[in-house]
Amino acid sequence: MIQAADIREWRTHDVVDPKGHKIGVLEAVYVDTATDEPAVVTVLTGLPTRRRLVFVPLDKALLGPDYVKVSYDRNQVRKAPSIGTDDVLPAEQEPEIFEYYGLAYQPGAGGERQLARR
């Protein structure tokens, strides 16, 4: 399991798919609010004039020298839910991220968000 302190140090490093193809650059880490463990990262993708942040789960992710390897294909990630580079993840968009990747979404008992940016 990737520890919160470890993954935060990888901001600005490349994010690659299982085949080693570059997806983009790690921009931010979102932790699971129930466990405070890293759950999702945002990856900066696109051309300089059309940049956006796509969400990628960290399940089965591996840290390598100067990169984070996620378990999702580059083409799948590039079509994932995203936000603008200056935007904030709206609470109502959280379930879309999990659904897109086929993962269960579990908000807190009181309806709290599952993800928090760190």
C-alpha atoms as a PDB file:
ATOM      1  CA  MET A   1       0.000   0.000   0.000  1.00  0.00           C
ATOM      2  CA  ILE A   2       1.244   3.474  -0.843  1.00  0.00           C
ATOM      3  CA  GLN A   3       1.564   5.661   2.244  1.00  0.00           C
ATOM      4  CA  ALA A   4       0.288   9.240   2.292  1.00  0.00           C
ATOM      5  CA  ALA A   5       3.725  10.692   3.002  1.00  0.00           C
ATOM      6  CA  ASP A   6       5.251   8.751   0.118  1.00  0.00           C
ATOM      7  CA  ILE A   7       2.784   9.735  -2.602  1.00  0.00           C
ATOM      8  CA  ARG A   8       2.818  13.443  -1.676  1.00  0.00           C
ATOM      9  CA  GLU A   9       6.519  13.497  -2.516  1.00  0.00           C
ATOM     10  CA  TRP A  10       5.699  12.356  -6.064  1.00  0.00           C
ATOM     11  CA  ARG A  11       3.872  15.514  -7.135  1.00  0.00           C
ATOM     12  CA  THR A  12       5.164  16.678 -10.537  1.00  0.00           C
ATOM     13  CA  HIS A  13       6.410  13.174 -11.372  1.00  0.00           C
ATOM     14  CA  ASP A  14       5.131  11.250 -14.382  1.00  0.00           C
ATOM     15  CA  VAL A  15       2.107   8.976 -14.103  1.00  0.00           C
ATOM     16  CA  VAL A  16       2.305   5.979 -16.423  1.00  0.00           C
ATOM     17  CA  ASP A  17      -0.026   3.139 -17.369  1.00  0.00           C
ATOM     18  CA  PRO A  18       0.734  -0.598 -16.918  1.00  0.00           C
ATOM     19  CA  LYS A  19       2.675  -0.635 -20.214  1.00  0.00           C
ATOM     20  CA  GLY A  20       4.791   2.361 -19.191  1.00  0.00           C
ATOM     21  CA  HIS A  21       3.058   4.878 -21.470  1.00  0.00           C
ATOM     22  CA  LYS A  22       3.019   8.364 -19.981  1.00  0.00           C
ATOM     23  CA  ILE A  23      -0.448   9.603 -19.037  1.00  0.00           C
ATOM     24  CA  GLY A  24       0.566  12.949 -17.563  1.00  0.00           C
ATOM     25  CA  VAL A  25       2.015  14.550 -14.428  1.00  0.00           C
ATOM     26  CA  LEU A  26       0.781  13.914 -10.875  1.00  0.00           C
ATOM     27  CA  GLU A  27      -0.818  17.115  -9.622  1.00  0.00           C
ATOM     28  CA  ALA A  28      -2.667  16.340  -6.362  1.00  0.00           C
ATOM     29  CA  VAL A  29      -3.535  13.517  -3.988  1.00  0.00           C
ATOM     30  CA  TYR A  30      -7.010  12.793  -2.642  1.00  0.00           C
ATOM     31  CA  VAL A  31      -7.325  10.630   0.454  1.00  0.00           C
ATOM     32  CA  ASP A  32     -10.209   8.439   1.583  1.00  0.00           C
ATOM     33  CA  THR A  33     -11.852  10.411   4.408  1.00  0.00           C
ATOM     34  CA  ALA A  34     -12.585   7.215   6.372  1.00  0.00           C
ATOM     35  CA  THR A  35      -8.980   5.945   6.412  1.00  0.00           C
ATOM     36  CA  ASP A  36      -6.894   9.015   5.501  1.00  0.00           C
ATOM     37  CA  GLU A  37      -5.042   6.791   3.011  1.00  0.00           C
ATOM     38  CA  PRO A  38      -4.279   7.961  -0.554  1.00  0.00           C
ATOM     39  CA  ALA A  39      -7.127   6.840  -2.827  1.00  0.00           C
ATOM     40  CA  VAL A  40      -7.095   8.967  -5.997  1.00  0.00           C
ATOM     41  CA  VAL A  41      -4.716  11.360  -7.738  1.00  0.00           C
ATOM     42  CA  THR A  42      -5.303  14.049 -10.295  1.00  0.00           C
ATOM     43  CA  VAL A  43      -3.115  13.889 -13.368  1.00  0.00           C
ATOM     44  CA  LEU A  44      -2.396  16.936 -15.517  1.00  0.00           C
ATOM     45  CA  THR A  45      -3.033  16.021 -19.157  1.00  0.00           C
ATOM     46  CA  GLY A  46      -3.602  17.747 -22.475  1.00  0.00           C
ATOM     47  CA  LEU A  47      -1.928  20.329 -24.638  1.00  0.00           C
ATOM     48  CA  PRO A  48      -0.617  23.512 -22.985  1.00  0.00           C
ATOM     49  CA  THR A  49      -3.678  25.490 -24.095  1.00  0.00           C
ATOM     50  CA  ARG A  50      -6.183  22.748 -23.166  1.00  0.00           C
ATOM     51  CA  ARG A  51      -4.928  21.285 -19.901  1.00  0.00           C
ATOM     52  CA  ARG A  52      -7.222  19.465 -17.510  1.00  0.00           C
ATOM     53  CA  LEU A  53      -6.978  17.281 -14.423  1.00  0.00           C
ATOM     54  CA  VAL A  54      -8.193  13.688 -14.738  1.00  0.00           C
ATOM     55  CA  PHE A  55      -8.872  11.488 -11.737  1.00  0.00           C
ATOM     56  CA  VAL A  56      -7.087   8.136 -11.373  1.00  0.00           C
ATOM     57  CA  PRO A  57      -7.538   5.667  -8.481  1.00  0.00           C
ATOM     58  CA  LEU A  58      -4.390   4.442  -6.759  1.00  0.00           C
ATOM     59  CA  ASP A  59      -5.527   0.852  -6.234  1.00  0.00           C
ATOM     60  CA  LYS A  60      -2.630  -1.422  -7.227  1.00  0.00           C
ATOM     61  CA  ALA A  61      -0.414   1.586  -8.047  1.00  0.00           C
ATOM     62  CA  LEU A  62       3.357   1.215  -7.837  1.00  0.00           C
ATOM     63  CA  LEU A  63       6.008   3.829  -7.166  1.00  0.00           C
ATOM     64  CA  GLY A  64       9.045   3.632  -9.433  1.00  0.00           C
ATOM     65  CA  PRO A  65      12.057   5.836  -9.971  1.00  0.00           C
ATOM     66  CA  ASP A  66      10.555   9.183 -11.018  1.00  0.00           C
ATOM     67  CA  TYR A  67       7.091   7.791 -11.852  1.00  0.00           C
ATOM     68  CA  VAL A  68       3.864   6.399 -10.434  1.00  0.00           C
ATOM     69  CA  LYS A  69       2.496   3.412 -12.346  1.00  0.00           C
ATOM     70  CA  VAL A  70      -1.286   3.116 -12.109  1.00  0.00           C
ATOM     71  CA  SER A  71      -3.288   0.031 -13.006  1.00  0.00           C
ATOM     72  CA  TYR A  72      -5.387   1.746 -15.691  1.00  0.00           C
ATOM     73  CA  ASP A  73      -4.679   2.097 -19.412  1.00  0.00           C
ATOM     74  CA  ARG A  74      -3.736   5.544 -20.729  1.00  0.00           C
ATOM     75  CA  ASN A  75      -6.725   5.699 -23.088  1.00  0.00           C
ATOM     76  CA  GLN A  76      -9.155   4.842 -20.288  1.00  0.00           C
ATOM     77  CA  VAL A  77      -7.651   7.488 -18.018  1.00  0.00           C
ATOM     78  CA  ARG A  78      -7.770  10.204 -20.659  1.00  0.00           C
ATOM     79  CA  LYS A  79     -11.547   9.672 -20.980  1.00  0.00           C
ATOM     80  CA  ALA A  80     -12.083   9.717 -17.200  1.00  0.00           C
ATOM     81  CA  PRO A  81     -14.011  12.404 -15.307  1.00  0.00           C
ATOM     82  CA  SER A  82     -11.967  15.586 -15.101  1.00  0.00           C
ATOM     83  CA  ILE A  83     -11.951  19.162 -13.887  1.00  0.00           C
ATOM     84  CA  GLY A  84     -10.230  22.318 -15.097  1.00  0.00           C
ATOM     85  CA  THR A  85      -6.793  23.146 -13.729  1.00  0.00           C
ATOM     86  CA  ASP A  86      -8.233  25.865 -11.460  1.00  0.00           C
ATOM     87  CA  ASP A  87     -11.392  23.966 -10.466  1.00  0.00           C
ATOM     88  CA  VAL A  88     -12.331  22.057  -7.326  1.00  0.00           C
ATOM     89  CA  LEU A  89     -13.931  18.605  -7.314  1.00  0.00           C
ATOM     90  CA  PRO A  90     -17.667  19.102  -6.664  1.00  0.00           C
ATOM     91  CA  ALA A  91     -19.117  16.664  -4.101  1.00  0.00           C
ATOM     92  CA  GLU A  92     -21.755  15.502  -6.580  1.00  0.00           C
ATOM     93  CA  GLN A  93     -19.044  14.455  -9.065  1.00  0.00           C
ATOM     94  CA  GLU A  94     -17.285  12.039  -6.666  1.00  0.00           C
ATOM     95  CA  PRO A  95     -19.555   9.042  -7.418  1.00  0.00           C
ATOM     96  CA  GLU A  96     -18.900   9.479 -11.178  1.00  0.00           C
ATOM     97  CA  ILE A  97     -15.182   8.872 -10.670  1.00  0.00           C
ATOM     98  CA  PHE A  98     -15.742   5.613  -8.826  1.00  0.00           C
ATOM     99  CA  GLU A  99     -18.433   4.452 -11.239  1.00  0.00           C
ATOM    100  CA  TYR A 100     -16.207   5.168 -14.251  1.00  0.00           C
ATOM    101  CA  TYR A 101     -13.499   2.880 -12.894  1.00  0.00           C
ATOM    102  CA  GLY A 102     -15.945   0.213 -11.651  1.00  0.00           C
ATOM    103  CA  LEU A 103     -15.222   0.886  -7.989  1.00  0.00           C
ATOM    104  CA  ALA A 104     -17.661   1.132  -5.085  1.00  0.00           C
ATOM    105  CA  TYR A 105     -18.453   4.610  -3.802  1.00  0.00           C
ATOM    106  CA  GLN A 106     -18.926   4.792  -0.034  1.00  0.00           C
ATOM    107  CA  PRO A 107     -19.693   8.207   1.442  1.00  0.00           C
ATOM    108  CA  GLY A 108     -19.553   8.646   5.221  1.00  0.00           C
ATOM    109  CA  ALA A 109     -22.449   7.588   7.465  1.00  0.00           C
ATOM    110  CA  GLY A 110     -23.646  11.190   7.614  1.00  0.00           C
ATOM    111  CA  GLY A 111     -23.286  11.658   3.853  1.00  0.00           C
ATOM    112  CA  GLU A 112     -19.759  13.090   4.107  1.00  0.00           C
ATOM    113  CA  ARG A 113     -17.551  13.089   1.052  1.00  0.00           C
ATOM    114  CA  GLN A 114     -15.354  10.049   0.470  1.00  0.00           C
ATOM    115  CA  LEU A 115     -12.447  12.069  -0.945  1.00  0.00           C
ATOM    116  CA  ALA A 116     -10.465  14.973   0.480  1.00  0.00           C
ATOM    117  CA  ARG A 117      -7.584  16.737  -1.266  1.00  0.00           C
ATOM    118  CA  ARG A 118      -4.288  16.745   0.643  1.00  0.00           C
END
